[in-house]
Amino acid sequence: PAGTIVGHVCFWVLFEELHIMNVAVSPDHRRRGIASLMLAHAITHARTQGAHSAMLEVRASNVPALAFYTQMGFQQIALREQYYSNPVEDAMILRRNTLDTDDLAPTTHTQHTSHTEKTFAE
């Protein structure tokens, strides 16, 4: 139904760096560009706050997320061994050295803004 939340991005800008804390899209709405759109929003917002790069961490086993972030210009810079618990797993630290948005998704979906969170509704 209209107004249903289908995605969420949570981030913060610390000094000159964007930290992506969480990107999530409802399983029924994946592979439609929503995550790309949300990440583009986070990057655009961070640029207005003076950020020049972005970082995030992801479970080493999260192959779909790793593929997505790689496609979005992130590169692995470090590995935190046994970082996660339940189950114990390594964290991959990814970085995007530029916040240019020419290669990112245009803003086309309905959006509702709340501080440094952006919720996307269908």
PDB file of N, CA and C in Angstrom:
ATOM      1  N   PRO A   1       0.819  -1.209   0.000  1.00  0.00           N
ATOM      2  CA  PRO A   1       0.000   0.000   0.000  1.00  0.00           C
ATOM      3  C   PRO A   1       0.857   1.266   0.000  1.00  0.00           C
ATOM      4  N   ALA A   2       0.277   2.336  -0.448  1.00  0.00           N
ATOM      5  CA  ALA A   2       0.985   3.623  -0.483  1.00  0.00           C
ATOM      6  C   ALA A   2       1.436   3.994   0.923  1.00  0.00           C
ATOM      7  N   GLY A   3       2.633   4.531   1.021  1.00  0.00           N
ATOM      8  CA  GLY A   3       3.174   4.945   2.306  1.00  0.00           C
ATOM      9  C   GLY A   3       3.889   3.852   3.073  1.00  0.00           C
ATOM     10  N   THR A   4       3.948   2.648   2.523  1.00  0.00           N
ATOM     11  CA  THR A   4       4.651   1.547   3.173  1.00  0.00           C
ATOM     12  C   THR A   4       6.157   1.794   3.128  1.00  0.00           C
ATOM     13  N   ILE A   5       6.810   1.667   4.261  1.00  0.00           N
ATOM     14  CA  ILE A   5       8.263   1.841   4.300  1.00  0.00           C
ATOM     15  C   ILE A   5       8.919   0.633   3.653  1.00  0.00           C
ATOM     16  N   VAL A   6       9.779   0.883   2.677  1.00  0.00           N
ATOM     17  CA  VAL A   6      10.449  -0.203   1.952  1.00  0.00           C
ATOM     18  C   VAL A   6      11.962  -0.165   2.113  1.00  0.00           C
ATOM     19  N   GLY A   7      12.498   0.923   2.656  1.00  0.00           N
ATOM     20  CA  GLY A   7      13.937   1.019   2.812  1.00  0.00           C
ATOM     21  C   GLY A   7      14.325   2.016   3.876  1.00  0.00           C
ATOM     22  N   HIS A   8      15.548   1.858   4.355  1.00  0.00           N
ATOM     23  CA  HIS A   8      16.044   2.716   5.428  1.00  0.00           C
ATOM     24  C   HIS A   8      17.558   2.866   5.275  1.00  0.00           C
ATOM     25  N   VAL A   9      18.053   4.072   5.468  1.00  0.00           N
ATOM     26  CA  VAL A   9      19.496   4.310   5.524  1.00  0.00           C
ATOM     27  C   VAL A   9      19.780   5.130   6.780  1.00  0.00           C
ATOM     28  N   CYS A  10      20.798   4.728   7.502  1.00  0.00           N
ATOM     29  CA  CYS A  10      21.217   5.455   8.696  1.00  0.00           C
ATOM     30  C   CYS A  10      22.706   5.770   8.540  1.00  0.00           C
ATOM     31  N   PHE A  11      23.066   7.007   8.781  1.00  0.00           N
ATOM     32  CA  PHE A  11      24.460   7.418   8.597  1.00  0.00           C
ATOM     33  C   PHE A  11      24.757   8.605   9.480  1.00  0.00           C
ATOM     34  N   TRP A  12      26.027   8.892   9.624  1.00  0.00           N
ATOM     35  CA  TRP A  12      26.445  10.120  10.281  1.00  0.00           C
ATOM     36  C   TRP A  12      27.660  10.678   9.568  1.00  0.00           C
ATOM     37  N   VAL A  13      27.840  11.962   9.720  1.00  0.00           N
ATOM     38  CA  VAL A  13      29.009  12.633   9.157  1.00  0.00           C
ATOM     39  C   VAL A  13      29.865  13.057  10.340  1.00  0.00           C
ATOM     40  N   LEU A  14      31.078  12.546  10.367  1.00  0.00           N
ATOM     41  CA  LEU A  14      32.000  12.837  11.450  1.00  0.00           C
ATOM     42  C   LEU A  14      33.238  13.476  10.837  1.00  0.00           C
ATOM     43  N   PHE A  15      33.451  14.733  11.171  1.00  0.00           N
ATOM     44  CA  PHE A  15      34.516  15.534  10.573  1.00  0.00           C
ATOM     45  C   PHE A  15      34.328  15.534   9.053  1.00  0.00           C
ATOM     46  N   GLU A  16      35.235  14.997   8.297  1.00  0.00           N
ATOM     47  CA  GLU A  16      35.115  15.042   6.835  1.00  0.00           C
ATOM     48  C   GLU A  16      34.820  13.665   6.252  1.00  0.00           C
ATOM     49  N   GLU A  17      34.148  12.812   7.045  1.00  0.00           N
ATOM     50  CA  GLU A  17      33.902  11.454   6.578  1.00  0.00           C
ATOM     51  C   GLU A  17      32.462  11.024   6.854  1.00  0.00           C
ATOM     52  N   LEU A  18      31.867  10.415   5.845  1.00  0.00           N
ATOM     53  CA  LEU A  18      30.533   9.827   5.959  1.00  0.00           C
ATOM     54  C   LEU A  18      30.679   8.411   6.497  1.00  0.00           C
ATOM     55  N   HIS A  19      29.935   8.090   7.536  1.00  0.00           N
ATOM     56  CA  HIS A  19      29.917   6.733   8.089  1.00  0.00           C
ATOM     57  C   HIS A  19      28.539   6.133   7.830  1.00  0.00           C
ATOM     58  N   ILE A  20      28.492   5.114   7.000  1.00  0.00           N
ATOM     59  CA  ILE A  20      27.242   4.414   6.707  1.00  0.00           C
ATOM     60  C   ILE A  20      27.048   3.380   7.812  1.00  0.00           C
ATOM     61  N   MET A  21      25.989   3.518   8.579  1.00  0.00           N
ATOM     62  CA  MET A  21      25.726   2.607   9.687  1.00  0.00           C
ATOM     63  C   MET A  21      24.819   1.448   9.271  1.00  0.00           C
ATOM     64  N   ASN A  22      23.840   1.737   8.407  1.00  0.00           N
ATOM     65  CA  ASN A  22      22.886   0.704   8.035  1.00  0.00           C
ATOM     66  C   ASN A  22      22.185   1.087   6.742  1.00  0.00           C
ATOM     67  N   VAL A  23      22.067   0.121   5.843  1.00  0.00           N
ATOM     68  CA  VAL A  23      21.255   0.252   4.633  1.00  0.00           C
ATOM     69  C   VAL A  23      20.401  -1.008   4.576  1.00  0.00           C
ATOM     70  N   ALA A  24      19.096  -0.837   4.527  1.00  0.00           N
ATOM     71  CA  ALA A  24      18.206  -1.999   4.490  1.00  0.00           C
ATOM     72  C   ALA A  24      17.052  -1.734   3.538  1.00  0.00           C
ATOM     73  N   VAL A  25      16.690  -2.764   2.778  1.00  0.00           N
ATOM     74  CA  VAL A  25      15.553  -2.698   1.863  1.00  0.00           C
ATOM     75  C   VAL A  25      14.711  -3.948   2.086  1.00  0.00           C
ATOM     76  N   SER A  26      13.407  -3.767   2.146  1.00  0.00           N
ATOM     77  CA  SER A  26      12.484  -4.890   2.299  1.00  0.00           C
ATOM     78  C   SER A  26      12.755  -5.931   1.217  1.00  0.00           C
ATOM     79  N   PRO A  27      12.784  -7.218   1.572  1.00  0.00           N
ATOM     80  CA  PRO A  27      13.069  -8.261   0.573  1.00  0.00           C
ATOM     81  C   PRO A  27      12.193  -8.179  -0.680  1.00  0.00           C
ATOM     82  N   ASP A  28      10.940  -7.802  -0.525  1.00  0.00           N
ATOM     83  CA  ASP A  28      10.036  -7.712  -1.677  1.00  0.00           C
ATOM     84  C   ASP A  28      10.345  -6.536  -2.594  1.00  0.00           C
ATOM     85  N   HIS A  29      11.209  -5.634  -2.157  1.00  0.00           N
ATOM     86  CA  HIS A  29      11.502  -4.428  -2.941  1.00  0.00           C
ATOM     87  C   HIS A  29      12.963  -4.325  -3.362  1.00  0.00           C
ATOM     88  N   ARG A  30      13.712  -5.378  -3.173  1.00  0.00           N
ATOM     89  CA  ARG A  30      15.129  -5.364  -3.550  1.00  0.00           C
ATOM     90  C   ARG A  30      15.295  -5.453  -5.056  1.00  0.00           C
ATOM     91  N   ARG A  31      16.491  -5.041  -5.514  1.00  0.00           N
ATOM     92  CA  ARG A  31      16.870  -5.087  -6.938  1.00  0.00           C
ATOM     93  C   ARG A  31      16.048  -4.101  -7.773  1.00  0.00           C
ATOM     94  N   ARG A  32      15.612  -3.009  -7.151  1.00  0.00           N
ATOM     95  CA  ARG A  32      14.857  -1.955  -7.845  1.00  0.00           C
ATOM     96  C   ARG A  32      15.562  -0.608  -7.781  1.00  0.00           C
ATOM     97  N   GLY A  33      16.772  -0.582  -7.265  1.00  0.00           N
ATOM     98  CA  GLY A  33      17.524   0.666  -7.190  1.00  0.00           C
ATOM     99  C   GLY A  33      17.291   1.476  -5.930  1.00  0.00           C
ATOM    100  N   ILE A  34      16.521   0.942  -4.987  1.00  0.00           N
ATOM    101  CA  ILE A  34      16.204   1.701  -3.775  1.00  0.00           C
ATOM    102  C   ILE A  34      17.451   1.914  -2.919  1.00  0.00           C
ATOM    103  N   ALA A  35      18.249   0.878  -2.724  1.00  0.00           N
ATOM    104  CA  ALA A  35      19.477   1.026  -1.926  1.00  0.00           C
ATOM    105  C   ALA A  35      20.433   2.021  -2.584  1.00  0.00           C
ATOM    106  N   SER A  36      20.532   1.975  -3.901  1.00  0.00           N
ATOM    107  CA  SER A  36      21.388   2.935  -4.621  1.00  0.00           C
ATOM    108  C   SER A  36      20.902   4.357  -4.399  1.00  0.00           C
ATOM    109  N   LEU A  37      19.609   4.534  -4.445  1.00  0.00           N
ATOM    110  CA  LEU A  37      19.007   5.849  -4.229  1.00  0.00           C
ATOM    111  C   LEU A  37      19.280   6.352  -2.814  1.00  0.00           C
ATOM    112  N   MET A  38      19.127   5.469  -1.839  1.00  0.00           N
ATOM    113  CA  MET A  38      19.364   5.870  -0.454  1.00  0.00           C
ATOM    114  C   MET A  38      20.832   6.199  -0.211  1.00  0.00           C
ATOM    115  N   LEU A  39      21.724   5.403  -0.776  1.00  0.00           N
ATOM    116  CA  LEU A  39      23.151   5.677  -0.619  1.00  0.00           C
ATOM    117  C   LEU A  39      23.522   6.991  -1.305  1.00  0.00           C
ATOM    118  N   ALA A  40      22.939   7.253  -2.455  1.00  0.00           N
ATOM    119  CA  ALA A  40      23.178   8.524  -3.153  1.00  0.00           C
ATOM    120  C   ALA A  40      22.726   9.695  -2.288  1.00  0.00           C
ATOM    121  N   HIS A  41      21.589   9.537  -1.604  1.00  0.00           N
ATOM    122  CA  HIS A  41      21.119  10.594  -0.705  1.00  0.00           C
ATOM    123  C   HIS A  41      22.125  10.831   0.423  1.00  0.00           C
ATOM    124  N   ALA A  42      22.586   9.754   1.034  1.00  0.00           N
ATOM    125  CA  ALA A  42      23.540   9.882   2.139  1.00  0.00           C
ATOM    126  C   ALA A  42      24.809  10.593   1.676  1.00  0.00           C
ATOM    127  N   ILE A  43      25.301  10.219   0.515  1.00  0.00           N
ATOM    128  CA  ILE A  43      26.517  10.831  -0.028  1.00  0.00           C
ATOM    129  C   ILE A  43      26.291  12.307  -0.340  1.00  0.00           C
ATOM    130  N   THR A  44      25.171  12.624  -0.958  1.00  0.00           N
ATOM    131  CA  THR A  44      24.854  14.018  -1.276  1.00  0.00           C
ATOM    132  C   THR A  44      24.758  14.855  -0.004  1.00  0.00           C
ATOM    133  N   HIS A  45      24.068  14.330   1.001  1.00  0.00           N
ATOM    134  CA  HIS A  45      23.946  15.043   2.277  1.00  0.00           C
ATOM    135  C   HIS A  45      25.323  15.247   2.915  1.00  0.00           C
ATOM    136  N   ALA A  46      26.134  14.200   2.911  1.00  0.00           N
ATOM    137  CA  ALA A  46      27.462  14.287   3.524  1.00  0.00           C
ATOM    138  C   ALA A  46      28.328  15.342   2.839  1.00  0.00           C
ATOM    139  N   ARG A  47      28.205  15.438   1.532  1.00  0.00           N
ATOM    140  CA  ARG A  47      28.972  16.462   0.803  1.00  0.00           C
ATOM    141  C   ARG A  47      28.583  17.853   1.267  1.00  0.00           C
ATOM    142  N   THR A  48      27.296  18.082   1.521  1.00  0.00           N
ATOM    143  CA  THR A  48      26.860  19.404   1.988  1.00  0.00           C
ATOM    144  C   THR A  48      27.402  19.709   3.379  1.00  0.00           C
ATOM    145  N   GLN A  49      27.802  18.679   4.110  1.00  0.00           N
ATOM    146  CA  GLN A  49      28.365  18.841   5.451  1.00  0.00           C
ATOM    147  C   GLN A  49      29.896  18.868   5.437  1.00  0.00           C
ATOM    148  N   GLY A  50      30.488  18.839   4.233  1.00  0.00           N
ATOM    149  CA  GLY A  50      31.931  18.946   4.108  1.00  0.00           C
ATOM    150  C   GLY A  50      32.686  17.628   4.062  1.00  0.00           C
ATOM    151  N   ALA A  51      31.970  16.517   3.955  1.00  0.00           N
ATOM    152  CA  ALA A  51      32.641  15.211   3.892  1.00  0.00           C
ATOM    153  C   ALA A  51      33.290  15.005   2.530  1.00  0.00           C
ATOM    154  N   HIS A  52      34.398  14.256   2.527  1.00  0.00           N
ATOM    155  CA  HIS A  52      35.138  13.979   1.298  1.00  0.00           C
ATOM    156  C   HIS A  52      35.257  12.494   0.988  1.00  0.00           C
ATOM    157  N   SER A  53      34.929  11.636   1.965  1.00  0.00           N
ATOM    158  CA  SER A  53      35.043  10.192   1.768  1.00  0.00           C
ATOM    159  C   SER A  53      33.961   9.494   2.589  1.00  0.00           C
ATOM    160  N   ALA A  54      33.813   8.186   2.361  1.00  0.00           N
ATOM    161  CA  ALA A  54      32.800   7.408   3.075  1.00  0.00           C
ATOM    162  C   ALA A  54      33.390   6.078   3.520  1.00  0.00           C
ATOM    163  N   MET A  55      32.915   5.595   4.670  1.00  0.00           N
ATOM    164  CA  MET A  55      33.351   4.301   5.192  1.00  0.00           C
ATOM    165  C   MET A  55      32.151   3.521   5.708  1.00  0.00           C
ATOM    166  N   LEU A  56      32.324   2.192   5.725  1.00  0.00           N
ATOM    167  CA  LEU A  56      31.315   1.308   6.294  1.00  0.00           C
ATOM    168  C   LEU A  56      31.967  -0.016   6.621  1.00  0.00           C
ATOM    169  N   GLU A  57      31.248  -0.838   7.357  1.00  0.00           N
ATOM    170  CA  GLU A  57      31.706  -2.203   7.615  1.00  0.00           C
ATOM    171  C   GLU A  57      30.575  -3.151   7.255  1.00  0.00           C
ATOM    172  N   VAL A  58      30.953  -4.357   6.872  1.00  0.00           N
ATOM    173  CA  VAL A  58      29.972  -5.349   6.449  1.00  0.00           C
ATOM    174  C   VAL A  58      30.509  -6.734   6.804  1.00  0.00           C
ATOM    175  N   ARG A  59      29.598  -7.632   7.134  1.00  0.00           N
ATOM    176  CA  ARG A  59      30.007  -9.016   7.407  1.00  0.00           C
ATOM    177  C   ARG A  59      30.672  -9.608   6.171  1.00  0.00           C
ATOM    178  N   ALA A  60      31.739 -10.352   6.380  1.00  0.00           N
ATOM    179  CA  ALA A  60      32.466 -10.965   5.264  1.00  0.00           C
ATOM    180  C   ALA A  60      31.587 -11.930   4.477  1.00  0.00           C
ATOM    181  N   SER A  61      30.583 -12.514   5.118  1.00  0.00           N
ATOM    182  CA  SER A  61      29.701 -13.473   4.439  1.00  0.00           C
ATOM    183  C   SER A  61      28.561 -12.812   3.670  1.00  0.00           C
ATOM    184  N   ASN A  62      28.399 -11.501   3.806  1.00  0.00           N
ATOM    185  CA  ASN A  62      27.276 -10.815   3.160  1.00  0.00           C
ATOM    186  C   ASN A  62      27.639 -10.480   1.710  1.00  0.00           C
ATOM    187  N   VAL A  63      27.652 -11.509   0.891  1.00  0.00           N
ATOM    188  CA  VAL A  63      28.073 -11.381  -0.507  1.00  0.00           C
ATOM    189  C   VAL A  63      27.219 -10.377  -1.282  1.00  0.00           C
ATOM    190  N   PRO A  64      25.880 -10.387  -1.141  1.00  0.00           N
ATOM    191  CA  PRO A  64      25.094  -9.384  -1.881  1.00  0.00           C
ATOM    192  C   PRO A  64      25.460  -7.947  -1.498  1.00  0.00           C
ATOM    193  N   ALA A  65      25.664  -7.687  -0.211  1.00  0.00           N
ATOM    194  CA  ALA A  65      26.033  -6.334   0.219  1.00  0.00           C
ATOM    195  C   ALA A  65      27.415  -5.956  -0.301  1.00  0.00           C
ATOM    196  N   LEU A  66      28.353  -6.887  -0.246  1.00  0.00           N
ATOM    197  CA  LEU A  66      29.697  -6.612  -0.765  1.00  0.00           C
ATOM    198  C   LEU A  66      29.656  -6.283  -2.252  1.00  0.00           C
ATOM    199  N   ALA A  67      28.860  -7.025  -3.004  1.00  0.00           N
ATOM    200  CA  ALA A  67      28.729  -6.747  -4.441  1.00  0.00           C
ATOM    201  C   ALA A  67      28.113  -5.369  -4.664  1.00  0.00           C
ATOM    202  N   PHE A  68      27.087  -5.039  -3.894  1.00  0.00           N
ATOM    203  CA  PHE A  68      26.429  -3.734  -4.019  1.00  0.00           C
ATOM    204  C   PHE A  68      27.410  -2.606  -3.718  1.00  0.00           C
ATOM    205  N   TYR A  69      28.101  -2.691  -2.583  1.00  0.00           N
ATOM    206  CA  TYR A  69      29.013  -1.614  -2.207  1.00  0.00           C
ATOM    207  C   TYR A  69      30.176  -1.481  -3.186  1.00  0.00           C
ATOM    208  N   THR A  70      30.653  -2.598  -3.706  1.00  0.00           N
ATOM    209  CA  THR A  70      31.706  -2.540  -4.726  1.00  0.00           C
ATOM    210  C   THR A  70      31.196  -1.825  -5.968  1.00  0.00           C
ATOM    211  N   GLN A  71      29.978  -2.154  -6.378  1.00  0.00           N
ATOM    212  CA  GLN A  71      29.357  -1.490  -7.534  1.00  0.00           C
ATOM    213  C   GLN A  71      29.199   0.012  -7.277  1.00  0.00           C
ATOM    214  N   MET A  72      29.018   0.388  -6.027  1.00  0.00           N
ATOM    215  CA  MET A  72      28.832   1.790  -5.663  1.00  0.00           C
ATOM    216  C   MET A  72      30.162   2.504  -5.392  1.00  0.00           C
ATOM    217  N   GLY A  73      31.272   1.866  -5.730  1.00  0.00           N
ATOM    218  CA  GLY A  73      32.564   2.533  -5.661  1.00  0.00           C
ATOM    219  C   GLY A  73      33.355   2.341  -4.381  1.00  0.00           C
ATOM    220  N   PHE A  74      32.910   1.454  -3.503  1.00  0.00           N
ATOM    221  CA  PHE A  74      33.642   1.184  -2.270  1.00  0.00           C
ATOM    222  C   PHE A  74      34.695   0.108  -2.521  1.00  0.00           C
ATOM    223  N   GLN A  75      35.809   0.211  -1.796  1.00  0.00           N
ATOM    224  CA  GLN A  75      36.890  -0.771  -1.889  1.00  0.00           C
ATOM    225  C   GLN A  75      37.272  -1.220  -0.484  1.00  0.00           C
ATOM    226  N   GLN A  76      37.630  -2.489  -0.357  1.00  0.00           N
ATOM    227  CA  GLN A  76      38.053  -2.998   0.942  1.00  0.00           C
ATOM    228  C   GLN A  76      39.394  -2.392   1.320  1.00  0.00           C
ATOM    229  N   ILE A  77      39.482  -1.892   2.567  1.00  0.00           N
ATOM    230  CA  ILE A  77      40.740  -1.319   3.050  1.00  0.00           C
ATOM    231  C   ILE A  77      41.275  -2.051   4.274  1.00  0.00           C
ATOM    232  N   ALA A  78      40.422  -2.839   4.939  1.00  0.00           N
ATOM    233  CA  ALA A  78      40.877  -3.540   6.144  1.00  0.00           C
ATOM    234  C   ALA A  78      39.927  -4.689   6.458  1.00  0.00           C
ATOM    235  N   LEU A  79      40.394  -5.552   7.352  1.00  0.00           N
ATOM    236  CA  LEU A  79      39.596  -6.669   7.832  1.00  0.00           C
ATOM    237  C   LEU A  79      39.700  -6.685   9.350  1.00  0.00           C
ATOM    238  N   ARG A  80      38.564  -6.720  10.032  1.00  0.00           N
ATOM    239  CA  ARG A  80      38.548  -6.852  11.494  1.00  0.00           C
ATOM    240  C   ARG A  80      38.167  -8.294  11.807  1.00  0.00           C
ATOM    241  N   GLU A  81      39.142  -9.056  12.218  1.00  0.00           N
ATOM    242  CA  GLU A  81      38.906 -10.475  12.469  1.00  0.00           C
ATOM    243  C   GLU A  81      38.019 -10.676  13.689  1.00  0.00           C
ATOM    244  N   GLN A  82      37.088 -11.610  13.562  1.00  0.00           N
ATOM    245  CA  GLN A  82      36.160 -11.994  14.630  1.00  0.00           C
ATOM    246  C   GLN A  82      35.460 -10.787  15.249  1.00  0.00           C
ATOM    247  N   TYR A  83      35.105  -9.829  14.437  1.00  0.00           N
ATOM    248  CA  TYR A  83      34.484  -8.588  14.905  1.00  0.00           C
ATOM    249  C   TYR A  83      33.047  -8.810  15.362  1.00  0.00           C
ATOM    250  N   TYR A  84      32.299  -9.577  14.599  1.00  0.00           N
ATOM    251  CA  TYR A  84      30.897  -9.831  14.925  1.00  0.00           C
ATOM    252  C   TYR A  84      30.763 -11.060  15.818  1.00  0.00           C
ATOM    253  N   SER A  85      29.692 -11.082  16.595  1.00  0.00           N
ATOM    254  CA  SER A  85      29.372 -12.266  17.383  1.00  0.00           C
ATOM    255  C   SER A  85      28.015 -12.797  16.928  1.00  0.00           C
ATOM    256  N   ASN A  86      27.758 -14.042  17.253  1.00  0.00           N
ATOM    257  CA  ASN A  86      26.458 -14.665  17.002  1.00  0.00           C
ATOM    258  C   ASN A  86      26.012 -14.614  15.547  1.00  0.00           C
ATOM    259  N   PRO A  87      26.698 -15.225  14.625  1.00  0.00           N
ATOM    260  CA  PRO A  87      27.917 -16.012  14.790  1.00  0.00           C
ATOM    261  C   PRO A  87      29.165 -15.127  14.712  1.00  0.00           C
ATOM    262  N   VAL A  88      30.246 -15.664  15.246  1.00  0.00           N
ATOM    263  CA  VAL A  88      31.536 -14.966  15.171  1.00  0.00           C
ATOM    264  C   VAL A  88      31.943 -14.886  13.707  1.00  0.00           C
ATOM    265  N   GLU A  89      32.276 -13.676  13.295  1.00  0.00           N
ATOM    266  CA  GLU A  89      32.593 -13.465  11.878  1.00  0.00           C
ATOM    267  C   GLU A  89      33.443 -12.217  11.714  1.00  0.00           C
ATOM    268  N   ASP A  90      34.221 -12.198  10.641  1.00  0.00           N
ATOM    269  CA  ASP A  90      35.049 -11.041  10.320  1.00  0.00           C
ATOM    270  C   ASP A  90      34.200  -9.913   9.741  1.00  0.00           C
ATOM    271  N   ALA A  91      34.665  -8.689   9.957  1.00  0.00           N
ATOM    272  CA  ALA A  91      34.059  -7.510   9.341  1.00  0.00           C
ATOM    273  C   ALA A  91      35.016  -6.977   8.288  1.00  0.00           C
ATOM    274  N   MET A  92      34.487  -6.664   7.136  1.00  0.00           N
ATOM    275  CA  MET A  92      35.281  -6.030   6.089  1.00  0.00           C
ATOM    276  C   MET A  92      35.024  -4.527   6.167  1.00  0.00           C
ATOM    277  N   ILE A  93      36.082  -3.751   6.193  1.00  0.00           N
ATOM    278  CA  ILE A  93      35.981  -2.296   6.230  1.00  0.00           C
ATOM    279  C   ILE A  93      36.137  -1.801   4.798  1.00  0.00           C
ATOM    280  N   LEU A  94      35.143  -1.066   4.333  1.00  0.00           N
ATOM    281  CA  LEU A  94      35.137  -0.557   2.962  1.00  0.00           C
ATOM    282  C   LEU A  94      35.190   0.964   2.981  1.00  0.00           C
ATOM    283  N   ARG A  95      35.799   1.517   1.950  1.00  0.00           N
ATOM    284  CA  ARG A  95      35.945   2.975   1.847  1.00  0.00           C
ATOM    285  C   ARG A  95      35.691   3.407   0.412  1.00  0.00           C
ATOM    286  N   ARG A  96      35.076   4.561   0.300  1.00  0.00           N
ATOM    287  CA  ARG A  96      34.917   5.241  -0.989  1.00  0.00           C
ATOM    288  C   ARG A  96      35.672   6.552  -0.839  1.00  0.00           C
ATOM    289  N   ASN A  97      36.699   6.749  -1.660  1.00  0.00           N
ATOM    290  CA  ASN A  97      37.598   7.889  -1.491  1.00  0.00           C
ATOM    291  C   ASN A  97      37.069   9.196  -2.046  1.00  0.00           C
ATOM    292  N   THR A  98      36.006   9.148  -2.788  1.00  0.00           N
ATOM    293  CA  THR A  98      35.418  10.368  -3.342  1.00  0.00           C
ATOM    294  C   THR A  98      33.916  10.334  -3.113  1.00  0.00           C
ATOM    295  N   LEU A  99      33.329  11.488  -2.980  1.00  0.00           N
ATOM    296  CA  LEU A  99      31.880  11.565  -2.828  1.00  0.00           C
ATOM    297  C   LEU A  99      31.228  12.202  -4.044  1.00  0.00           C
ATOM    298  N   ASP A 100      31.878  12.088  -5.199  1.00  0.00           N
ATOM    299  CA  ASP A 100      31.239  12.510  -6.440  1.00  0.00           C
ATOM    300  C   ASP A 100      30.001  11.649  -6.640  1.00  0.00           C
ATOM    301  N   THR A 101      28.932  12.247  -7.137  1.00  0.00           N
ATOM    302  CA  THR A 101      27.675  11.511  -7.281  1.00  0.00           C
ATOM    303  C   THR A 101      27.277  11.287  -8.730  1.00  0.00           C
ATOM    304  N   ASP A 102      28.143  11.600  -9.672  1.00  0.00           N
ATOM    305  CA  ASP A 102      27.796  11.442 -11.087  1.00  0.00           C
ATOM    306  C   ASP A 102      27.434  10.004 -11.436  1.00  0.00           C
ATOM    307  N   ASP A 103      28.024   9.042 -10.737  1.00  0.00           N
ATOM    308  CA  ASP A 103      27.796   7.633 -11.049  1.00  0.00           C
ATOM    309  C   ASP A 103      26.708   6.994 -10.182  1.00  0.00           C
ATOM    310  N   LEU A 104      25.987   7.798  -9.411  1.00  0.00           N
ATOM    311  CA  LEU A 104      24.978   7.256  -8.501  1.00  0.00           C
ATOM    312  C   LEU A 104      23.568   7.499  -9.022  1.00  0.00           C
ATOM    313  N   ALA A 105      22.611   6.825  -8.384  1.00  0.00           N
ATOM    314  CA  ALA A 105      21.211   6.862  -8.818  1.00  0.00           C
ATOM    315  C   ALA A 105      20.604   8.253  -8.650  1.00  0.00           C
ATOM    316  N   PRO A 106      19.744   8.663  -9.580  1.00  0.00           N
ATOM    317  CA  PRO A 106      19.010   9.921  -9.415  1.00  0.00           C
ATOM    318  C   PRO A 106      17.924   9.759  -8.358  1.00  0.00           C
ATOM    319  N   THR A 107      17.512  10.852  -7.747  1.00  0.00           N
ATOM    320  CA  THR A 107      16.449  10.817  -6.747  1.00  0.00           C
ATOM    321  C   THR A 107      15.098  10.840  -7.454  1.00  0.00           C
ATOM    322  N   THR A 108      14.381   9.700  -7.407  1.00  0.00           N
ATOM    323  CA  THR A 108      13.103   9.611  -8.104  1.00  0.00           C
ATOM    324  C   THR A 108      11.975   9.067  -7.240  1.00  0.00           C
ATOM    325  N   HIS A 109      12.274   8.428  -6.113  1.00  0.00           N
ATOM    326  CA  HIS A 109      11.242   7.829  -5.280  1.00  0.00           C
ATOM    327  C   HIS A 109      10.688   8.847  -4.291  1.00  0.00           C
ATOM    328  N   THR A 110       9.491   8.576  -3.747  1.00  0.00           N
ATOM    329  CA  THR A 110       8.922   9.394  -2.689  1.00  0.00           C
ATOM    330  C   THR A 110       9.825   9.295  -1.475  1.00  0.00           C
ATOM    331  N   GLN A 111      10.080  10.420  -0.825  1.00  0.00           N
ATOM    332  CA  GLN A 111      11.019  10.428   0.287  1.00  0.00           C
ATOM    333  C   GLN A 111      10.428  11.173   1.472  1.00  0.00           C
ATOM    334  N   HIS A 112      10.768  10.718   2.655  1.00  0.00           N
ATOM    335  CA  HIS A 112      10.394  11.374   3.896  1.00  0.00           C
ATOM    336  C   HIS A 112      11.666  11.534   4.708  1.00  0.00           C
ATOM    337  N   THR A 113      11.985  12.766   5.128  1.00  0.00           N
ATOM    338  CA  THR A 113      13.269  13.035   5.760  1.00  0.00           C
ATOM    339  C   THR A 113      13.128  13.186   7.270  1.00  0.00           C
ATOM    340  N   SER A 114      14.100  12.663   8.009  1.00  0.00           N
ATOM    341  CA  SER A 114      14.173  12.830   9.450  1.00  0.00           C
ATOM    342  C   SER A 114      15.637  12.862   9.868  1.00  0.00           C
ATOM    343  N   HIS A 115      16.171  14.026  10.155  1.00  0.00           N
ATOM    344  CA  HIS A 115      17.556  14.251  10.592  1.00  0.00           C
ATOM    345  C   HIS A 115      18.537  13.529   9.673  1.00  0.00           C
ATOM    346  N   THR A 116      19.326  12.598  10.188  1.00  0.00           N
ATOM    347  CA  THR A 116      20.290  11.908   9.334  1.00  0.00           C
ATOM    348  C   THR A 116      19.782  10.536   8.920  1.00  0.00           C
ATOM    349  N   GLU A 117      18.494  10.350   8.951  1.00  0.00           N
ATOM    350  CA  GLU A 117      17.909   9.114   8.460  1.00  0.00           C
ATOM    351  C   GLU A 117      16.994   9.469   7.304  1.00  0.00           C
ATOM    352  N   LYS A 118      16.886   8.593   6.355  1.00  0.00           N
ATOM    353  CA  LYS A 118      15.978   8.809   5.239  1.00  0.00           C
ATOM    354  C   LYS A 118      15.211   7.515   5.048  1.00  0.00           C
ATOM    355  N   THR A 119      13.900   7.607   5.083  1.00  0.00           N
ATOM    356  CA  THR A 119      13.050   6.444   4.898  1.00  0.00           C
ATOM    357  C   THR A 119      12.384   6.571   3.550  1.00  0.00           C
ATOM    358  N   PHE A 120      12.403   5.521   2.774  1.00  0.00           N
ATOM    359  CA  PHE A 120      11.843   5.544   1.440  1.00  0.00           C
ATOM    360  C   PHE A 120      10.567   4.728   1.421  1.00  0.00           C
ATOM    361  N   ALA A 121       9.501   5.336   0.930  1.00  0.00           N
ATOM    362  CA  ALA A 121       8.200   4.675   0.877  1.00  0.00           C
ATOM    363  C   ALA A 121       7.790   4.492  -0.571  1.00  0.00           C
ATOM    364  N   GLU A 122       7.012   3.465  -0.810  1.00  0.00           N
ATOM    365  CA  GLU A 122       6.536   3.161  -2.153  1.00  0.00           C
ATOM    366  C   GLU A 122       5.396   4.090  -2.514  1.00  0.00           C
TER     367      GLU A 122
END
